[in-house]
């Protein structure tokens, strides 16, 4: 039996609900959410790397190493990179991919 999801479902529903995994334990959910977030951030960082010159990539890595959110934000703003917009876009892409994968396996 295949369930079809609308765009509104993908945007509004929790990813675990879309995956059919909402009955997981809280500990399992937290682990899965962390893996999902790590994947999304990795994708965003790769996109940022691809947007920057080689010199800027070196500077970006140095700023990231500081783990100073203010410095990171200032660097991104100086390059006209909207980090939160990129995270949102990648989140929606990821949810769409997971939903498609889950539909294909049902």
N, C-alpha and C. Protein backbone atom coordinates (compact mmCIF):
# COMPACT_ATOMS: atom_id res chain seq x y z
N UNK A 1 0.84 -1.18 0.00
CA UNK A 1 0.00 0.00 0.00
C UNK A 1 0.89 1.25 0.00
N UNK A 2 0.72 2.11 -0.94
CA UNK A 2 1.53 3.31 -1.06
C UNK A 2 0.74 4.53 -0.61
N UNK A 3 1.39 5.34 0.21
CA UNK A 3 0.77 6.57 0.66
C UNK A 3 1.35 7.71 -0.15
N UNK A 4 0.50 8.58 -0.64
CA UNK A 4 0.95 9.72 -1.41
C UNK A 4 0.90 10.96 -0.53
N UNK A 5 1.97 11.74 -0.55
CA UNK A 5 2.04 12.95 0.25
C UNK A 5 2.00 14.17 -0.65
N UNK A 6 1.26 15.18 -0.21
CA UNK A 6 1.20 16.44 -0.94
C UNK A 6 2.38 17.31 -0.52
N UNK A 7 2.58 18.38 -1.25
CA UNK A 7 3.62 19.34 -0.90
C UNK A 7 3.37 19.89 0.51
N UNK A 8 2.10 20.15 0.82
CA UNK A 8 1.75 20.66 2.15
C UNK A 8 2.13 19.66 3.24
N UNK A 9 1.91 18.36 2.97
CA UNK A 9 2.30 17.33 3.93
C UNK A 9 3.81 17.38 4.18
N UNK A 10 4.56 17.45 3.10
CA UNK A 10 6.02 17.45 3.23
C UNK A 10 6.49 18.67 4.01
N UNK A 11 5.87 19.80 3.77
CA UNK A 11 6.27 21.02 4.47
C UNK A 11 5.83 20.99 5.94
N UNK A 12 4.61 20.54 6.19
CA UNK A 12 4.03 20.68 7.53
C UNK A 12 4.23 19.50 8.47
N UNK A 13 4.38 18.31 7.93
CA UNK A 13 4.48 17.14 8.80
C UNK A 13 5.91 16.94 9.29
N UNK A 14 6.01 16.38 10.48
CA UNK A 14 7.30 16.02 11.04
C UNK A 14 7.91 14.91 10.19
N UNK A 15 9.21 14.94 10.03
CA UNK A 15 9.87 13.96 9.18
C UNK A 15 9.66 12.53 9.67
N UNK A 16 9.60 12.34 10.99
CA UNK A 16 9.37 10.99 11.51
C UNK A 16 7.98 10.48 11.14
N UNK A 17 7.02 11.39 11.11
CA UNK A 17 5.67 11.00 10.68
C UNK A 17 5.69 10.58 9.21
N UNK A 18 6.42 11.35 8.39
CA UNK A 18 6.53 11.03 6.97
C UNK A 18 7.24 9.69 6.76
N UNK A 19 8.17 9.37 7.67
CA UNK A 19 8.92 8.13 7.57
C UNK A 19 8.16 6.95 8.18
N UNK A 20 7.07 7.24 8.87
CA UNK A 20 6.34 6.18 9.54
C UNK A 20 7.06 5.70 10.78
N UNK A 21 7.86 6.58 11.39
CA UNK A 21 8.68 6.20 12.53
C UNK A 21 8.30 6.95 13.80
N UNK A 22 7.09 7.45 13.87
CA UNK A 22 6.70 8.27 15.01
C UNK A 22 6.57 7.48 16.30
N UNK A 23 6.54 6.15 16.22
CA UNK A 23 6.41 5.33 17.42
C UNK A 23 7.75 4.93 18.04
N UNK A 24 8.82 5.54 17.57
CA UNK A 24 10.14 5.26 18.13
C UNK A 24 10.22 5.80 19.55
N UNK A 25 11.16 5.27 20.32
CA UNK A 25 11.38 5.81 21.66
C UNK A 25 11.95 7.22 21.54
N UNK A 26 11.82 8.00 22.61
CA UNK A 26 12.34 9.37 22.59
C UNK A 26 13.84 9.38 22.32
N UNK A 27 14.56 8.44 22.89
CA UNK A 27 16.01 8.36 22.69
C UNK A 27 16.34 8.08 21.22
N UNK A 28 15.60 7.15 20.60
CA UNK A 28 15.81 6.85 19.19
C UNK A 28 15.47 8.05 18.31
N UNK A 29 14.40 8.76 18.66
CA UNK A 29 14.01 9.95 17.91
C UNK A 29 15.11 11.00 17.97
N UNK A 30 15.66 11.25 19.16
CA UNK A 30 16.72 12.24 19.31
C UNK A 30 17.94 11.88 18.47
N UNK A 31 18.32 10.61 18.48
CA UNK A 31 19.46 10.16 17.68
C UNK A 31 19.19 10.38 16.20
N UNK A 32 17.98 10.04 15.76
CA UNK A 32 17.64 10.20 14.35
C UNK A 32 17.59 11.68 13.97
N UNK A 33 16.99 12.51 14.81
CA UNK A 33 16.96 13.96 14.54
C UNK A 33 18.38 14.52 14.44
N UNK A 34 19.28 14.05 15.30
CA UNK A 34 20.67 14.53 15.25
C UNK A 34 21.33 14.13 13.94
N UNK A 35 21.11 12.89 13.51
CA UNK A 35 21.68 12.44 12.23
C UNK A 35 21.13 13.26 11.07
N UNK A 36 19.84 13.53 11.12
CA UNK A 36 19.20 14.32 10.06
C UNK A 36 19.79 15.73 10.04
N UNK A 37 19.89 16.35 11.22
CA UNK A 37 20.44 17.71 11.29
C UNK A 37 21.89 17.73 10.80
N UNK A 38 22.68 16.74 11.20
CA UNK A 38 24.08 16.68 10.74
C UNK A 38 24.15 16.57 9.22
N UNK A 39 23.29 15.77 8.63
CA UNK A 39 23.26 15.61 7.18
C UNK A 39 22.91 16.93 6.50
N UNK A 40 21.90 17.61 7.02
CA UNK A 40 21.48 18.88 6.43
C UNK A 40 22.59 19.92 6.54
N UNK A 41 23.20 20.03 7.73
CA UNK A 41 24.30 20.99 7.89
C UNK A 41 25.48 20.64 6.99
N UNK A 42 25.80 19.36 6.85
CA UNK A 42 26.88 18.96 5.95
C UNK A 42 26.59 19.43 4.52
N UNK A 43 25.36 19.25 4.09
CA UNK A 43 24.98 19.68 2.74
C UNK A 43 25.11 21.19 2.59
N UNK A 44 24.69 21.93 3.60
CA UNK A 44 24.79 23.39 3.55
C UNK A 44 26.25 23.82 3.50
N UNK A 45 27.09 23.20 4.34
CA UNK A 45 28.51 23.56 4.35
C UNK A 45 29.17 23.26 3.00
N UNK A 46 28.79 22.17 2.36
CA UNK A 46 29.32 21.85 1.03
C UNK A 46 28.89 22.92 0.03
N UNK A 47 27.63 23.33 0.10
CA UNK A 47 27.15 24.39 -0.80
C UNK A 47 27.91 25.70 -0.57
N UNK A 48 28.13 26.03 0.70
CA UNK A 48 28.87 27.25 1.01
C UNK A 48 30.28 27.14 0.45
N UNK A 49 30.95 26.01 0.67
CA UNK A 49 32.29 25.81 0.12
C UNK A 49 32.30 26.02 -1.40
N UNK A 50 31.28 25.52 -2.07
CA UNK A 50 31.21 25.64 -3.53
C UNK A 50 30.95 27.06 -3.99
N UNK A 51 30.40 27.89 -3.12
CA UNK A 51 30.10 29.28 -3.47
C UNK A 51 31.32 30.19 -3.30
N UNK A 52 32.30 29.72 -2.56
CA UNK A 52 33.43 30.57 -2.18
C UNK A 52 34.66 30.29 -3.04
N UNK A 53 35.51 31.30 -3.12
CA UNK A 53 36.81 31.13 -3.78
C UNK A 53 37.69 30.26 -2.87
N UNK A 54 38.79 29.76 -3.41
CA UNK A 54 39.69 28.93 -2.61
C UNK A 54 40.19 29.68 -1.38
N UNK A 55 40.52 30.95 -1.55
CA UNK A 55 40.99 31.77 -0.43
C UNK A 55 39.88 31.91 0.61
N UNK A 56 38.67 32.18 0.15
CA UNK A 56 37.55 32.33 1.07
C UNK A 56 37.23 31.03 1.80
N UNK A 57 37.42 29.89 1.12
CA UNK A 57 37.19 28.60 1.77
C UNK A 57 38.16 28.43 2.94
N UNK A 58 39.42 28.82 2.73
CA UNK A 58 40.41 28.74 3.81
C UNK A 58 39.97 29.61 4.99
N UNK A 59 39.54 30.82 4.70
CA UNK A 59 39.07 31.73 5.75
C UNK A 59 37.82 31.17 6.44
N UNK A 60 36.92 30.60 5.66
CA UNK A 60 35.69 30.01 6.19
C UNK A 60 36.01 28.90 7.18
N UNK A 61 36.95 28.04 6.81
CA UNK A 61 37.33 26.94 7.70
C UNK A 61 37.95 27.46 9.00
N UNK A 62 38.73 28.52 8.89
CA UNK A 62 39.32 29.12 10.10
C UNK A 62 38.23 29.69 11.01
N UNK A 63 37.26 30.36 10.40
CA UNK A 63 36.16 30.93 11.18
C UNK A 63 35.35 29.80 11.83
N UNK A 64 35.07 28.74 11.08
CA UNK A 64 34.33 27.61 11.65
C UNK A 64 35.08 27.00 12.83
N UNK A 65 36.40 26.92 12.71
CA UNK A 65 37.21 26.34 13.79
C UNK A 65 37.10 27.12 15.09
N UNK A 66 36.78 28.42 14.99
CA UNK A 66 36.65 29.22 16.21
C UNK A 66 35.39 28.85 16.99
N UNK A 67 34.40 28.28 16.28
CA UNK A 67 33.10 27.92 16.87
C UNK A 67 32.40 29.15 17.49
N UNK A 68 32.79 30.32 17.03
CA UNK A 68 32.21 31.58 17.50
C UNK A 68 31.06 31.96 16.56
N UNK A 69 29.84 31.81 17.05
CA UNK A 69 28.68 32.04 16.19
C UNK A 69 28.63 33.45 15.62
N UNK A 70 29.10 34.43 16.37
CA UNK A 70 29.10 35.80 15.88
C UNK A 70 30.06 35.95 14.70
N UNK A 71 31.25 35.38 14.82
CA UNK A 71 32.23 35.45 13.73
C UNK A 71 31.72 34.71 12.50
N UNK A 72 31.09 33.56 12.72
CA UNK A 72 30.56 32.78 11.60
C UNK A 72 29.48 33.59 10.89
N UNK A 73 28.57 34.17 11.66
CA UNK A 73 27.49 34.97 11.09
C UNK A 73 28.05 36.17 10.32
N UNK A 74 29.03 36.84 10.89
CA UNK A 74 29.62 38.01 10.21
C UNK A 74 30.30 37.60 8.91
N UNK A 75 30.99 36.47 8.92
CA UNK A 75 31.65 36.00 7.70
C UNK A 75 30.61 35.74 6.62
N UNK A 76 29.55 35.01 6.98
CA UNK A 76 28.52 34.68 6.00
C UNK A 76 27.84 35.94 5.47
N UNK A 77 27.56 36.89 6.35
CA UNK A 77 26.94 38.14 5.91
C UNK A 77 27.86 38.90 4.97
N UNK A 78 29.16 38.86 5.24
CA UNK A 78 30.11 39.57 4.37
C UNK A 78 30.15 38.97 2.97
N UNK A 79 29.74 37.72 2.85
CA UNK A 79 29.71 37.04 1.55
C UNK A 79 28.30 36.96 0.98
N UNK A 80 27.35 37.66 1.62
CA UNK A 80 25.95 37.65 1.20
C UNK A 80 25.36 36.23 1.15
N UNK A 81 25.68 35.44 2.17
CA UNK A 81 25.18 34.07 2.25
C UNK A 81 24.15 34.02 3.37
N UNK A 82 22.95 33.63 3.01
CA UNK A 82 21.86 33.52 3.98
C UNK A 82 21.81 32.07 4.47
N UNK A 83 22.51 31.83 5.57
CA UNK A 83 22.66 30.48 6.11
C UNK A 83 21.31 29.85 6.45
N UNK A 84 20.44 30.58 7.13
CA UNK A 84 19.16 30.01 7.54
C UNK A 84 18.29 29.66 6.33
N UNK A 85 18.35 30.46 5.30
CA UNK A 85 17.60 30.16 4.08
C UNK A 85 18.13 28.86 3.47
N UNK A 86 19.44 28.70 3.46
CA UNK A 86 20.04 27.49 2.92
C UNK A 86 19.65 26.26 3.75
N UNK A 87 19.62 26.41 5.07
CA UNK A 87 19.22 25.30 5.94
C UNK A 87 17.77 24.92 5.66
N UNK A 88 16.92 25.91 5.54
CA UNK A 88 15.51 25.66 5.25
C UNK A 88 15.36 24.93 3.91
N UNK A 89 16.04 25.42 2.89
CA UNK A 89 15.96 24.79 1.57
C UNK A 89 16.43 23.34 1.63
N UNK A 90 17.57 23.10 2.27
CA UNK A 90 18.10 21.74 2.36
C UNK A 90 17.20 20.85 3.20
N UNK A 91 16.57 21.41 4.21
CA UNK A 91 15.64 20.64 5.04
C UNK A 91 14.47 20.14 4.21
N UNK A 92 13.93 21.02 3.39
CA UNK A 92 12.80 20.64 2.53
C UNK A 92 13.23 19.63 1.47
N UNK A 93 14.40 19.81 0.92
CA UNK A 93 14.91 18.84 -0.06
C UNK A 93 15.08 17.48 0.60
N UNK A 94 15.65 17.48 1.80
CA UNK A 94 15.88 16.23 2.53
C UNK A 94 14.56 15.53 2.84
N UNK A 95 13.60 16.29 3.33
CA UNK A 95 12.29 15.71 3.64
C UNK A 95 11.65 15.12 2.38
N UNK A 96 11.78 15.82 1.27
CA UNK A 96 11.22 15.33 0.01
C UNK A 96 11.92 14.03 -0.41
N UNK A 97 13.24 13.99 -0.28
CA UNK A 97 13.98 12.78 -0.64
C UNK A 97 13.58 11.60 0.25
N UNK A 98 13.50 11.83 1.54
CA UNK A 98 13.13 10.76 2.48
C UNK A 98 11.70 10.28 2.19
N UNK A 99 10.80 11.22 1.94
CA UNK A 99 9.41 10.86 1.65
C UNK A 99 9.34 10.03 0.37
N UNK A 100 10.06 10.42 -0.65
CA UNK A 100 10.08 9.67 -1.91
C UNK A 100 10.66 8.28 -1.69
N UNK A 101 11.72 8.20 -0.93
CA UNK A 101 12.33 6.92 -0.63
C UNK A 101 11.37 6.00 0.13
N UNK A 102 10.69 6.56 1.12
CA UNK A 102 9.75 5.76 1.90
C UNK A 102 8.58 5.29 1.03
N UNK A 103 8.11 6.14 0.14
CA UNK A 103 7.01 5.75 -0.75
C UNK A 103 7.45 4.65 -1.70
N UNK A 104 8.69 4.70 -2.15
CA UNK A 104 9.19 3.72 -3.09
C UNK A 104 9.37 2.35 -2.44
N UNK A 105 9.58 2.33 -1.13
CA UNK A 105 9.81 1.06 -0.44
C UNK A 105 8.53 0.44 0.10
N UNK A 106 7.41 1.14 -0.01
CA UNK A 106 6.14 0.60 0.49
C UNK A 106 5.44 -0.21 -0.55
